[in-house]
């Protein structure tokens, strides 16, 4: 259904829409925002749609599809999907609004509805960028941005029936604006006054570190090889999204932290004192030193960061077990 509907709608979507479309991606959307900002449009109307996928009015969406697709069976089927009951407190309740998330059809349906917003902004001549339900409008002055924000608020409320989260919406400057996990910082070089470069937001870094931390949790009943295999899917997707930012320095520190986490897991897996002593000897530690470290009262995390494990469970040894550096992957995929 999604493939067939795309034939009718895709060619009519505006070029400023980047979410879930062929030959469009997150990086293009972010670069578009950066281009507007560096062109001097630095008062940004940042609007957050309150629970967009839960608030889409079915009748408006079905009406837009009917204008293009005059097939009653298709509309009946889409209506059945939209109104599929949801389990709330043990009772099935029919949906009267909202789009079920997770379906391959949902991104297309959201684009069909929000394309009306794109066409309104295009008609007005505004500079904007939209990625799914995340959109922002760029103005040269604060007064112009305020006027645009009021117009868009009325259009969303009266024409599309979509509420705005006022607490998260407002007029931003580049230094306080976040778009799709990226932030903006001024370029401090001669001849680049008023220009901004991309950085990865603190929230995005925290999300990555939280996932890596869970995968290297010492109490998870996994072998070191299984842990290694779980790490790559976590950071490859993240790095593909955020490859536009200058993140080499932070990645290098994060790699060091991750290797210490893996050493901590290995130390914890050895468990018994005698096993720790024998394994340290196998790694080249002298017998007396191995005995002392196997009986140490230091915590596992402190031991993982100590020279005894950093010089024995080296990066080279970890790579033989399947470890791959995030920094190496980033330098490979960066364009």
C-alpha atoms as a PDB file:
ATOM      1  CA  UNK A   1       0.000   0.000   0.000  1.00  0.00           C
ATOM      2  CA  UNK A   2       2.801   2.399   0.893  1.00  0.00           C
ATOM      3  CA  UNK A   3       4.583   1.747  -2.399  1.00  0.00           C
ATOM      4  CA  UNK A   4       1.439   2.312  -4.437  1.00  0.00           C
ATOM      5  CA  UNK A   5       0.413   5.497  -2.602  1.00  0.00           C
ATOM      6  CA  UNK A   6       3.928   6.901  -3.016  1.00  0.00           C
ATOM      7  CA  UNK A   7       3.430   6.872  -6.789  1.00  0.00           C
ATOM      8  CA  UNK A   8       0.550   9.335  -6.381  1.00  0.00           C
ATOM      9  CA  UNK A   9       2.037  11.626  -3.724  1.00  0.00           C
ATOM     10  CA  UNK A  10       5.840  11.575  -3.794  1.00  0.00           C
ATOM     11  CA  UNK A  11       6.324  13.823  -6.827  1.00  0.00           C
ATOM     12  CA  UNK A  12       4.072  16.507  -5.316  1.00  0.00           C
ATOM     13  CA  UNK A  13       5.922  16.746  -1.993  1.00  0.00           C
ATOM     14  CA  UNK A  14       8.018  19.868  -1.465  1.00  0.00           C
ATOM     15  CA  UNK A  15      11.820  19.693  -1.658  1.00  0.00           C
ATOM     16  CA  UNK A  16      12.128  21.054   1.913  1.00  0.00           C
ATOM     17  CA  UNK A  17      10.626  17.822   3.275  1.00  0.00           C
ATOM     18  CA  UNK A  18      13.391  15.321   4.118  1.00  0.00           C
ATOM     19  CA  UNK A  19      11.848  12.658   6.347  1.00  0.00           C
ATOM     20  CA  UNK A  20      11.275   9.090   5.075  1.00  0.00           C
ATOM     21  CA  UNK A  21      11.621   9.965   1.414  1.00  0.00           C
ATOM     22  CA  UNK A  22      13.742   8.407  -1.359  1.00  0.00           C
ATOM     23  CA  UNK A  23      17.153  10.088  -1.817  1.00  0.00           C
ATOM     24  CA  UNK A  24      16.481  12.299   1.212  1.00  0.00           C
ATOM     25  CA  UNK A  25      18.104  11.933   4.620  1.00  0.00           C
ATOM     26  CA  UNK A  26      18.764  13.508   7.990  1.00  0.00           C
ATOM     27  CA  UNK A  27      22.124  14.980   6.970  1.00  0.00           C
ATOM     28  CA  UNK A  28      20.557  16.907   4.087  1.00  0.00           C
ATOM     29  CA  UNK A  29      17.967  18.366   6.458  1.00  0.00           C
ATOM     30  CA  UNK A  30      20.623  19.508   8.941  1.00  0.00           C
ATOM     31  CA  UNK A  31      22.766  21.052   6.203  1.00  0.00           C
ATOM     32  CA  UNK A  32      19.696  22.908   4.928  1.00  0.00           C
ATOM     33  CA  UNK A  33      19.183  24.411   8.386  1.00  0.00           C
ATOM     34  CA  UNK A  34      22.851  25.364   8.608  1.00  0.00           C
ATOM     35  CA  UNK A  35      22.636  26.998   5.179  1.00  0.00           C
ATOM     36  CA  UNK A  36      19.705  29.184   6.226  1.00  0.00           C
ATOM     37  CA  UNK A  37      21.483  30.223   9.424  1.00  0.00           C
ATOM     38  CA  UNK A  38      24.738  31.065   7.660  1.00  0.00           C
ATOM     39  CA  UNK A  39      22.789  33.098   5.095  1.00  0.00           C
ATOM     40  CA  UNK A  40      21.647  35.399   7.891  1.00  0.00           C
ATOM     41  CA  UNK A  41      18.260  33.905   8.808  1.00  0.00           C
ATOM     42  CA  UNK A  42      19.123  33.469  12.463  1.00  0.00           C
ATOM     43  CA  UNK A  43      15.776  34.005  14.215  1.00  0.00           C
ATOM     44  CA  UNK A  44      14.268  30.547  14.139  1.00  0.00           C
ATOM     45  CA  UNK A  45      10.632  29.604  14.688  1.00  0.00           C
ATOM     46  CA  UNK A  46      10.899  26.262  16.462  1.00  0.00           C
ATOM     47  CA  UNK A  47       7.475  24.586  16.737  1.00  0.00           C
ATOM     48  CA  UNK A  48       6.859  21.310  18.546  1.00  0.00           C
ATOM     49  CA  UNK A  49       3.705  19.425  17.537  1.00  0.00           C
ATOM     50  CA  UNK A  50       2.152  17.961  20.659  1.00  0.00           C
ATOM     51  CA  UNK A  51       1.885  14.177  20.276  1.00  0.00           C
ATOM     52  CA  UNK A  52       1.633  14.455  16.501  1.00  0.00           C
ATOM     53  CA  UNK A  53       1.098  10.745  15.776  1.00  0.00           C
ATOM     54  CA  UNK A  54      -1.644  10.662  18.430  1.00  0.00           C
ATOM     55  CA  UNK A  55      -3.460  13.782  17.223  1.00  0.00           C
ATOM     56  CA  UNK A  56      -3.804  13.390  13.440  1.00  0.00           C
ATOM     57  CA  UNK A  57      -7.516  13.774  12.539  1.00  0.00           C
ATOM     58  CA  UNK A  58      -8.592  10.837  10.416  1.00  0.00           C
ATOM     59  CA  UNK A  59     -11.176  12.657   8.311  1.00  0.00           C
ATOM     60  CA  UNK A  60      -8.673  15.283   7.119  1.00  0.00           C
ATOM     61  CA  UNK A  61      -6.113  12.660   6.195  1.00  0.00           C
ATOM     62  CA  UNK A  62      -8.618  10.455   4.355  1.00  0.00           C
ATOM     63  CA  UNK A  63      -9.947  13.488   2.501  1.00  0.00           C
ATOM     64  CA  UNK A  64      -6.456  14.343   1.232  1.00  0.00           C
ATOM     65  CA  UNK A  65      -5.970  10.759   0.040  1.00  0.00           C
ATOM     66  CA  UNK A  66      -9.378  10.786  -1.673  1.00  0.00           C
ATOM     67  CA  UNK A  67      -8.411  13.830  -3.768  1.00  0.00           C
ATOM     68  CA  UNK A  68      -5.651  11.748  -5.378  1.00  0.00           C
ATOM     69  CA  UNK A  69      -6.908   8.170  -5.086  1.00  0.00           C
ATOM     70  CA  UNK A  70     -10.553   7.645  -5.982  1.00  0.00           C
ATOM     71  CA  UNK A  71     -10.558   3.994  -4.948  1.00  0.00           C
ATOM     72  CA  UNK A  72     -13.200   3.222  -2.237  1.00  0.00           C
ATOM     73  CA  UNK A  73     -11.525  -0.093  -1.350  1.00  0.00           C
ATOM     74  CA  UNK A  74      -8.203   1.610  -0.683  1.00  0.00           C
ATOM     75  CA  UNK A  75      -9.821   4.241   1.524  1.00  0.00           C
ATOM     76  CA  UNK A  76     -11.794   1.575   3.385  1.00  0.00           C
ATOM     77  CA  UNK A  77      -8.613  -0.398   4.052  1.00  0.00           C
ATOM     78  CA  UNK A  78      -6.669   2.657   5.263  1.00  0.00           C
ATOM     79  CA  UNK A  79      -9.568   3.623   7.514  1.00  0.00           C
ATOM     80  CA  UNK A  80      -9.557   0.141   9.020  1.00  0.00           C
ATOM     81  CA  UNK A  81      -5.825   0.457   9.767  1.00  0.00           C
ATOM     82  CA  UNK A  82      -6.216   3.906  11.273  1.00  0.00           C
ATOM     83  CA  UNK A  83      -9.102   2.842  13.485  1.00  0.00           C
ATOM     84  CA  UNK A  84      -7.648  -0.456  14.609  1.00  0.00           C
ATOM     85  CA  UNK A  85      -8.524  -0.720  18.315  1.00  0.00           C
ATOM     86  CA  UNK A  86      -5.920  -0.109  20.982  1.00  0.00           C
ATOM     87  CA  UNK A  87      -5.758  -1.912  24.342  1.00  0.00           C
ATOM     88  CA  UNK A  88      -6.177   0.541  27.248  1.00  0.00           C
ATOM     89  CA  UNK A  89      -6.581  -0.784  30.797  1.00  0.00           C
ATOM     90  CA  UNK A  90      -7.635  -4.189  29.504  1.00  0.00           C
ATOM     91  CA  UNK A  91     -10.303  -2.807  27.137  1.00  0.00           C
ATOM     92  CA  UNK A  92     -10.159  -2.418  23.370  1.00  0.00           C
ATOM     93  CA  UNK A  93     -10.983   1.125  22.259  1.00  0.00           C
ATOM     94  CA  UNK A  94     -11.309   2.342  18.696  1.00  0.00           C
ATOM     95  CA  UNK A  95      -9.099   5.174  17.540  1.00  0.00           C
ATOM     96  CA  UNK A  96     -10.837   8.365  16.443  1.00  0.00           C
ATOM     97  CA  UNK A  97      -7.592  10.189  15.716  1.00  0.00           C
ATOM     98  CA  UNK A  98      -3.874   9.426  15.439  1.00  0.00           C
ATOM     99  CA  UNK A  99      -1.660   7.225  13.274  1.00  0.00           C
ATOM    100  CA  UNK A 100      -0.389   3.865  14.598  1.00  0.00           C
ATOM    101  CA  UNK A 101       3.389   4.110  14.886  1.00  0.00           C
ATOM    102  CA  UNK A 102       5.701   1.399  13.590  1.00  0.00           C
ATOM    103  CA  UNK A 103       3.835   0.724  10.354  1.00  0.00           C
ATOM    104  CA  UNK A 104       5.683   1.261   7.040  1.00  0.00           C
ATOM    105  CA  UNK A 105       2.660   3.292   5.945  1.00  0.00           C
ATOM    106  CA  UNK A 106       2.703   5.734   8.889  1.00  0.00           C
ATOM    107  CA  UNK A 107       5.595   7.970   7.682  1.00  0.00           C
ATOM    108  CA  UNK A 108       3.912   8.393   4.298  1.00  0.00           C
ATOM    109  CA  UNK A 109       0.563   9.271   5.902  1.00  0.00           C
ATOM    110  CA  UNK A 110       2.262  11.870   8.108  1.00  0.00           C
ATOM    111  CA  UNK A 111       3.975  13.381   5.060  1.00  0.00           C
ATOM    112  CA  UNK A 112       0.652  13.517   3.188  1.00  0.00           C
ATOM    113  CA  UNK A 113      -0.922  15.586   5.965  1.00  0.00           C
ATOM    114  CA  UNK A 114       2.069  17.830   6.714  1.00  0.00           C
ATOM    115  CA  UNK A 115       2.639  18.483   3.016  1.00  0.00           C
ATOM    116  CA  UNK A 116      -0.269  20.912   3.386  1.00  0.00           C
ATOM    117  CA  UNK A 117       1.883  22.854   5.860  1.00  0.00           C
ATOM    118  CA  UNK A 118       4.845  22.722   3.448  1.00  0.00           C
ATOM    119  CA  UNK A 119       2.751  24.143   0.624  1.00  0.00           C
ATOM    120  CA  UNK A 120       1.421  26.923   2.880  1.00  0.00           C
ATOM    121  CA  UNK A 121       4.950  27.923   3.933  1.00  0.00           C
ATOM    122  CA  UNK A 122       6.147  27.727   0.321  1.00  0.00           C
ATOM    123  CA  UNK A 123       3.272  29.927  -0.839  1.00  0.00           C
ATOM    124  CA  UNK A 124       4.187  32.505   1.807  1.00  0.00           C
ATOM    125  CA  UNK A 125       7.811  32.467   0.644  1.00  0.00           C
ATOM    126  CA  UNK A 126       9.246  31.381   4.001  1.00  0.00           C
ATOM    127  CA  UNK A 127      12.507  29.513   4.431  1.00  0.00           C
ATOM    128  CA  UNK A 128      11.837  26.263   6.278  1.00  0.00           C
ATOM    129  CA  UNK A 129      12.953  22.679   6.772  1.00  0.00           C
ATOM    130  CA  UNK A 130      10.854  19.671   7.773  1.00  0.00           C
ATOM    131  CA  UNK A 131      11.881  16.163   8.747  1.00  0.00           C
ATOM    132  CA  UNK A 132       8.717  14.127   9.495  1.00  0.00           C
ATOM    133  CA  UNK A 133       6.977  16.083  12.286  1.00  0.00           C
ATOM    134  CA  UNK A 134      10.103  18.143  13.165  1.00  0.00           C
ATOM    135  CA  UNK A 135      10.076  21.460  11.350  1.00  0.00           C
ATOM    136  CA  UNK A 136      11.557  24.915  11.752  1.00  0.00           C
ATOM    137  CA  UNK A 137      11.195  28.244   9.935  1.00  0.00           C
ATOM    138  CA  UNK A 138      14.015  30.748   9.501  1.00  0.00           C
ATOM    139  CA  UNK A 139      13.534  34.526   9.564  1.00  0.00           C
ATOM    140  CA  UNK A 140      15.892  37.546   9.320  1.00  0.00           C
ATOM    141  CA  UNK A 141      14.491  39.354  12.375  1.00  0.00           C
ATOM    142  CA  UNK A 142      12.780  38.498  15.639  1.00  0.00           C
ATOM    143  CA  UNK A 143       9.658  40.512  14.798  1.00  0.00           C
ATOM    144  CA  UNK A 144       9.309  38.659  11.480  1.00  0.00           C
ATOM    145  CA  UNK A 145       9.809  35.325  13.266  1.00  0.00           C
ATOM    146  CA  UNK A 146       7.106  36.209  15.794  1.00  0.00           C
ATOM    147  CA  UNK A 147       4.636  37.094  13.014  1.00  0.00           C
ATOM    148  CA  UNK A 148       5.425  33.830  11.172  1.00  0.00           C
ATOM    149  CA  UNK A 149       4.960  31.834  14.365  1.00  0.00           C
ATOM    150  CA  UNK A 150       1.491  33.282  14.943  1.00  0.00           C
ATOM    151  CA  UNK A 151       0.431  32.559  11.358  1.00  0.00           C
ATOM    152  CA  UNK A 152       1.676  28.985  11.478  1.00  0.00           C
ATOM    153  CA  UNK A 153      -0.005  28.394  14.837  1.00  0.00           C
ATOM    154  CA  UNK A 154      -3.372  29.450  13.390  1.00  0.00           C
ATOM    155  CA  UNK A 155      -2.865  27.347  10.258  1.00  0.00           C
ATOM    156  CA  UNK A 156      -2.036  24.212  12.262  1.00  0.00           C
ATOM    157  CA  UNK A 157      -4.968  24.736  14.602  1.00  0.00           C
ATOM    158  CA  UNK A 158      -7.657  25.746  12.087  1.00  0.00           C
ATOM    159  CA  UNK A 159      -6.646  23.929   8.891  1.00  0.00           C
ATOM    160  CA  UNK A 160      -4.948  20.746  10.086  1.00  0.00           C
ATOM    161  CA  UNK A 161      -6.392  20.368  13.577  1.00  0.00           C
ATOM    162  CA  UNK A 162      -2.968  19.812  15.164  1.00  0.00           C
ATOM    163  CA  UNK A 163      -2.137  21.188  18.636  1.00  0.00           C
ATOM    164  CA  UNK A 164       1.202  22.843  19.481  1.00  0.00           C
ATOM    165  CA  UNK A 165       3.247  22.216  22.595  1.00  0.00           C
ATOM    166  CA  UNK A 166       3.688  25.820  23.730  1.00  0.00           C
ATOM    167  CA  UNK A 167       6.212  24.902  26.420  1.00  0.00           C
ATOM    168  CA  UNK A 168       8.626  23.457  23.850  1.00  0.00           C
ATOM    169  CA  UNK A 169       7.943  25.939  21.061  1.00  0.00           C
ATOM    170  CA  UNK A 170       9.394  29.406  20.670  1.00  0.00           C
ATOM    171  CA  UNK A 171      11.793  31.662  18.812  1.00  0.00           C
ATOM    172  CA  UNK A 172      15.407  30.518  19.038  1.00  0.00           C
ATOM    173  CA  UNK A 173      18.820  31.833  18.175  1.00  0.00           C
ATOM    174  CA  UNK A 174      21.347  29.429  16.572  1.00  0.00           C
ATOM    175  CA  UNK A 175      23.286  28.954  19.824  1.00  0.00           C
ATOM    176  CA  UNK A 176      20.130  27.768  21.632  1.00  0.00           C
ATOM    177  CA  UNK A 177      18.605  25.847  18.715  1.00  0.00           C
ATOM    178  CA  UNK A 178      18.743  22.053  18.338  1.00  0.00           C
ATOM    179  CA  UNK A 179      17.720  20.249  15.168  1.00  0.00           C
ATOM    180  CA  UNK A 180      17.626  16.448  14.830  1.00  0.00           C
ATOM    181  CA  UNK A 181      20.245  15.984  17.533  1.00  0.00           C
ATOM    182  CA  UNK A 182      22.604  18.697  16.256  1.00  0.00           C
ATOM    183  CA  UNK A 183      23.460  22.065  17.746  1.00  0.00           C
ATOM    184  CA  UNK A 184      25.205  25.144  16.351  1.00  0.00           C
ATOM    185  CA  UNK A 185      28.260  27.010  17.635  1.00  0.00           C
ATOM    186  CA  UNK A 186      29.883  30.149  16.178  1.00  0.00           C
ATOM    187  CA  UNK A 187      32.979  29.822  13.994  1.00  0.00           C
ATOM    188  CA  UNK A 188      35.731  31.890  15.571  1.00  0.00           C
ATOM    189  CA  UNK A 189      37.850  32.631  12.526  1.00  0.00           C
ATOM    190  CA  UNK A 190      38.632  35.853  10.735  1.00  0.00           C
ATOM    191  CA  UNK A 191      36.207  36.454   7.886  1.00  0.00           C
ATOM    192  CA  UNK A 192      33.575  34.024   9.249  1.00  0.00           C
ATOM    193  CA  UNK A 193      31.620  36.405  11.496  1.00  0.00           C
ATOM    194  CA  UNK A 194      28.010  35.288  11.864  1.00  0.00           C
ATOM    195  CA  UNK A 195      28.750  31.762  10.624  1.00  0.00           C
ATOM    196  CA  UNK A 196      27.945  28.607  12.595  1.00  0.00           C
ATOM    197  CA  UNK A 197      29.282  25.073  12.521  1.00  0.00           C
ATOM    198  CA  UNK A 198      27.571  21.839  13.531  1.00  0.00           C
ATOM    199  CA  UNK A 199      28.107  20.042  16.822  1.00  0.00           C
ATOM    200  CA  UNK A 200      26.379  17.011  18.305  1.00  0.00           C
ATOM    201  CA  UNK A 201      24.037  17.915  21.172  1.00  0.00           C
ATOM    202  CA  UNK A 202      24.758  16.753  24.721  1.00  0.00           C
ATOM    203  CA  UNK A 203      21.503  14.788  24.727  1.00  0.00           C
ATOM    204  CA  UNK A 204      22.607  12.776  21.691  1.00  0.00           C
ATOM    205  CA  UNK A 205      25.943  11.969  23.343  1.00  0.00           C
ATOM    206  CA  UNK A 206      24.156  10.928  26.531  1.00  0.00           C
ATOM    207  CA  UNK A 207      21.837   8.588  24.589  1.00  0.00           C
ATOM    208  CA  UNK A 208      24.794   6.879  22.914  1.00  0.00           C
ATOM    209  CA  UNK A 209      26.700   6.474  26.170  1.00  0.00           C
ATOM    210  CA  UNK A 210      23.627   5.090  27.940  1.00  0.00           C
ATOM    211  CA  UNK A 211      23.194   2.370  25.289  1.00  0.00           C
ATOM    212  CA  UNK A 212      26.880   1.466  25.322  1.00  0.00           C
ATOM    213  CA  UNK A 213      26.832   1.332  29.106  1.00  0.00           C
ATOM    214  CA  UNK A 214      23.928  -1.111  29.119  1.00  0.00           C
ATOM    215  CA  UNK A 215      25.617  -3.368  26.530  1.00  0.00           C
ATOM    216  CA  UNK A 216      28.736  -3.503  28.724  1.00  0.00           C
ATOM    217  CA  UNK A 217      26.883  -4.010  31.981  1.00  0.00           C
ATOM    218  CA  UNK A 218      28.923  -6.525  33.969  1.00  0.00           C
ATOM    219  CA  UNK A 219      25.877  -8.436  35.265  1.00  0.00           C
ATOM    220  CA  UNK A 220      24.574  -9.268  31.772  1.00  0.00           C
ATOM    221  CA  UNK A 221      25.174 -13.001  31.196  1.00  0.00           C
ATOM    222  CA  UNK A 222      27.136 -12.523  27.959  1.00  0.00           C
ATOM    223  CA  UNK A 223      30.534 -13.622  26.755  1.00  0.00           C
ATOM    224  CA  UNK A 224      33.008 -10.953  25.706  1.00  0.00           C
ATOM    225  CA  UNK A 225      32.488 -11.939  22.043  1.00  0.00           C
ATOM    226  CA  UNK A 226      28.726 -11.493  22.362  1.00  0.00           C
ATOM    227  CA  UNK A 227      29.239  -8.068  23.945  1.00  0.00           C
ATOM    228  CA  UNK A 228      31.467  -7.012  21.047  1.00  0.00           C
ATOM    229  CA  UNK A 229      28.837  -8.075  18.511  1.00  0.00           C
ATOM    230  CA  UNK A 230      26.180  -6.037  20.325  1.00  0.00           C
ATOM    231  CA  UNK A 231      28.250  -2.862  20.346  1.00  0.00           C
ATOM    232  CA  UNK A 232      28.654  -2.357  16.610  1.00  0.00           C
ATOM    233  CA  UNK A 233      24.930  -1.961  15.723  1.00  0.00           C
ATOM    234  CA  UNK A 234      24.607   0.599  18.542  1.00  0.00           C
ATOM    235  CA  UNK A 235      27.305   2.985  17.429  1.00  0.00           C
ATOM    236  CA  UNK A 236      27.221   2.498  13.630  1.00  0.00           C
ATOM    237  CA  UNK A 237      23.698   3.916  13.318  1.00  0.00           C
ATOM    238  CA  UNK A 238      24.552   6.775  15.664  1.00  0.00           C
ATOM    239  CA  UNK A 239      27.745   7.670  13.800  1.00  0.00           C
ATOM    240  CA  UNK A 240      25.980   7.535  10.435  1.00  0.00           C
ATOM    241  CA  UNK A 241      23.486  10.107  11.729  1.00  0.00           C
ATOM    242  CA  UNK A 242      26.031  12.404  13.353  1.00  0.00           C
ATOM    243  CA  UNK A 243      28.955  12.175  10.953  1.00  0.00           C
ATOM    244  CA  UNK A 244      28.559  15.873  10.053  1.00  0.00           C
ATOM    245  CA  UNK A 245      29.800  17.031  13.455  1.00  0.00           C
ATOM    246  CA  UNK A 246      33.418  17.408  14.478  1.00  0.00           C
ATOM    247  CA  UNK A 247      33.492  14.670  17.081  1.00  0.00           C
ATOM    248  CA  UNK A 248      36.958  13.079  16.804  1.00  0.00           C
ATOM    249  CA  UNK A 249      38.103  14.332  20.218  1.00  0.00           C
ATOM    250  CA  UNK A 250      35.024  13.128  22.084  1.00  0.00           C
ATOM    251  CA  UNK A 251      35.006   9.817  20.211  1.00  0.00           C
ATOM    252  CA  UNK A 252      38.594   9.151  21.212  1.00  0.00           C
ATOM    253  CA  UNK A 253      37.709   9.649  24.894  1.00  0.00           C
ATOM    254  CA  UNK A 254      34.557   7.551  24.509  1.00  0.00           C
ATOM    255  CA  UNK A 255      36.600   4.738  22.932  1.00  0.00           C
ATOM    256  CA  UNK A 256      38.957   4.763  25.928  1.00  0.00           C
ATOM    257  CA  UNK A 257      35.991   4.654  28.306  1.00  0.00           C
ATOM    258  CA  UNK A 258      34.430   1.774  26.348  1.00  0.00           C
ATOM    259  CA  UNK A 259      37.648  -0.264  26.410  1.00  0.00           C
ATOM    260  CA  UNK A 260      37.802   0.186  30.183  1.00  0.00           C
ATOM    261  CA  UNK A 261      34.194  -1.009  30.404  1.00  0.00           C
ATOM    262  CA  UNK A 262      35.165  -4.157  28.478  1.00  0.00           C
ATOM    263  CA  UNK A 263      38.175  -4.729  30.752  1.00  0.00           C
ATOM    264  CA  UNK A 264      35.839  -4.374  33.719  1.00  0.00           C
ATOM    265  CA  UNK A 265      33.544  -7.062  32.253  1.00  0.00           C
ATOM    266  CA  UNK A 266      36.503  -9.401  31.683  1.00  0.00           C
ATOM    267  CA  UNK A 267      37.786  -8.854  35.242  1.00  0.00           C
ATOM    268  CA  UNK A 268      34.304  -9.529  36.607  1.00  0.00           C
ATOM    269  CA  UNK A 269      33.954 -12.705  34.499  1.00  0.00           C
ATOM    270  CA  UNK A 270      37.135 -14.125  36.000  1.00  0.00           C
ATOM    271  CA  UNK A 271      35.369 -14.081  39.395  1.00  0.00           C
ATOM    272  CA  UNK A 272      37.554 -16.354  41.563  1.00  0.00           C
ATOM    273  CA  UNK A 273      40.857 -15.092  42.969  1.00  0.00           C
ATOM    274  CA  UNK A 274      42.905 -18.021  41.708  1.00  0.00           C
ATOM    275  CA  UNK A 275      41.455 -17.686  38.226  1.00  0.00           C
ATOM    276  CA  UNK A 276      42.387 -13.995  38.186  1.00  0.00           C
ATOM    277  CA  UNK A 277      45.955 -14.865  39.233  1.00  0.00           C
ATOM    278  CA  UNK A 278      46.375 -17.522  36.548  1.00  0.00           C
ATOM    279  CA  UNK A 279      44.916 -15.336  33.805  1.00  0.00           C
ATOM    280  CA  UNK A 280      47.179 -12.434  34.731  1.00  0.00           C
ATOM    281  CA  UNK A 281      50.182 -14.761  34.531  1.00  0.00           C
ATOM    282  CA  UNK A 282      49.033 -15.941  31.081  1.00  0.00           C
ATOM    283  CA  UNK A 283      48.923 -12.292  30.020  1.00  0.00           C
ATOM    284  CA  UNK A 284      52.559 -11.839  31.011  1.00  0.00           C
ATOM    285  CA  UNK A 285      52.350 -10.530  34.588  1.00  0.00           C
ATOM    286  CA  UNK A 286      54.993 -11.769  37.015  1.00  0.00           C
ATOM    287  CA  UNK A 287      53.783 -14.326  39.571  1.00  0.00           C
ATOM    288  CA  UNK A 288      54.208 -12.131  42.650  1.00  0.00           C
ATOM    289  CA  UNK A 289      52.509  -9.165  41.023  1.00  0.00           C
ATOM    290  CA  UNK A 290      49.718 -11.386  39.681  1.00  0.00           C
ATOM    291  CA  UNK A 291      49.099 -12.782  43.158  1.00  0.00           C
ATOM    292  CA  UNK A 292      48.954  -9.277  44.687  1.00  0.00           C
ATOM    293  CA  UNK A 293      46.542  -7.914  42.049  1.00  0.00           C
ATOM    294  CA  UNK A 294      44.295 -10.962  42.224  1.00  0.00           C
ATOM    295  CA  UNK A 295      43.840 -10.291  45.965  1.00  0.00           C
ATOM    296  CA  UNK A 296      43.483  -6.504  45.667  1.00  0.00           C
ATOM    297  CA  UNK A 297      40.682  -4.750  47.541  1.00  0.00           C
ATOM    298  CA  UNK A 298      40.282  -2.189  44.792  1.00  0.00           C
ATOM    299  CA  UNK A 299      36.931  -2.111  43.067  1.00  0.00           C
ATOM    300  CA  UNK A 300      36.551  -3.665  39.642  1.00  0.00           C
ATOM    301  CA  UNK A 301      36.204  -0.321  37.842  1.00  0.00           C
ATOM    302  CA  UNK A 302      39.400   0.974  39.480  1.00  0.00           C
ATOM    303  CA  UNK A 303      41.264  -2.189  38.441  1.00  0.00           C
ATOM    304  CA  UNK A 304      39.973  -1.828  34.859  1.00  0.00           C
ATOM    305  CA  UNK A 305      41.552   1.637  34.668  1.00  0.00           C
ATOM    306  CA  UNK A 306      44.780   0.585  36.372  1.00  0.00           C
ATOM    307  CA  UNK A 307      48.038  -0.134  34.477  1.00  0.00           C
ATOM    308  CA  UNK A 308      47.785  -3.855  35.311  1.00  0.00           C
ATOM    309  CA  UNK A 309      44.848  -4.375  32.901  1.00  0.00           C
ATOM    310  CA  UNK A 310      45.568  -1.520  30.468  1.00  0.00           C
ATOM    311  CA  UNK A 311      49.002  -3.001  29.710  1.00  0.00           C
ATOM    312  CA  UNK A 312      47.826  -6.603  29.525  1.00  0.00           C
ATOM    313  CA  UNK A 313      44.318  -6.473  28.044  1.00  0.00           C
ATOM    314  CA  UNK A 314      45.505  -4.068  25.376  1.00  0.00           C
ATOM    315  CA  UNK A 315      43.545  -2.599  22.490  1.00  0.00           C
ATOM    316  CA  UNK A 316      45.338  -5.034  20.177  1.00  0.00           C
ATOM    317  CA  UNK A 317      44.132  -8.009  22.231  1.00  0.00           C
ATOM    318  CA  UNK A 318      40.589  -6.620  22.353  1.00  0.00           C
ATOM    319  CA  UNK A 319      40.581  -6.223  18.567  1.00  0.00           C
ATOM    320  CA  UNK A 320      41.444  -9.910  18.203  1.00  0.00           C
ATOM    321  CA  UNK A 321      38.255 -10.662  20.164  1.00  0.00           C
ATOM    322  CA  UNK A 322      36.137  -8.499  17.864  1.00  0.00           C
ATOM    323  CA  UNK A 323      36.478  -4.975  19.268  1.00  0.00           C
ATOM    324  CA  UNK A 324      36.273  -2.161  16.694  1.00  0.00           C
ATOM    325  CA  UNK A 325      37.038   1.472  17.439  1.00  0.00           C
ATOM    326  CA  UNK A 326      34.244   4.009  16.984  1.00  0.00           C
ATOM    327  CA  UNK A 327      36.784   6.601  15.867  1.00  0.00           C
ATOM    328  CA  UNK A 328      38.052   4.292  13.102  1.00  0.00           C
ATOM    329  CA  UNK A 329      34.503   3.735  11.852  1.00  0.00           C
ATOM    330  CA  UNK A 330      33.751   7.476  11.950  1.00  0.00           C
ATOM    331  CA  UNK A 331      36.846   8.338   9.895  1.00  0.00           C
ATOM    332  CA  UNK A 332      35.851   5.670   7.395  1.00  0.00           C
ATOM    333  CA  UNK A 333      32.241   6.869   6.872  1.00  0.00           C
ATOM    334  CA  UNK A 334      32.894  10.621   7.125  1.00  0.00           C
ATOM    335  CA  UNK A 335      32.566  12.421   3.812  1.00  0.00           C
END
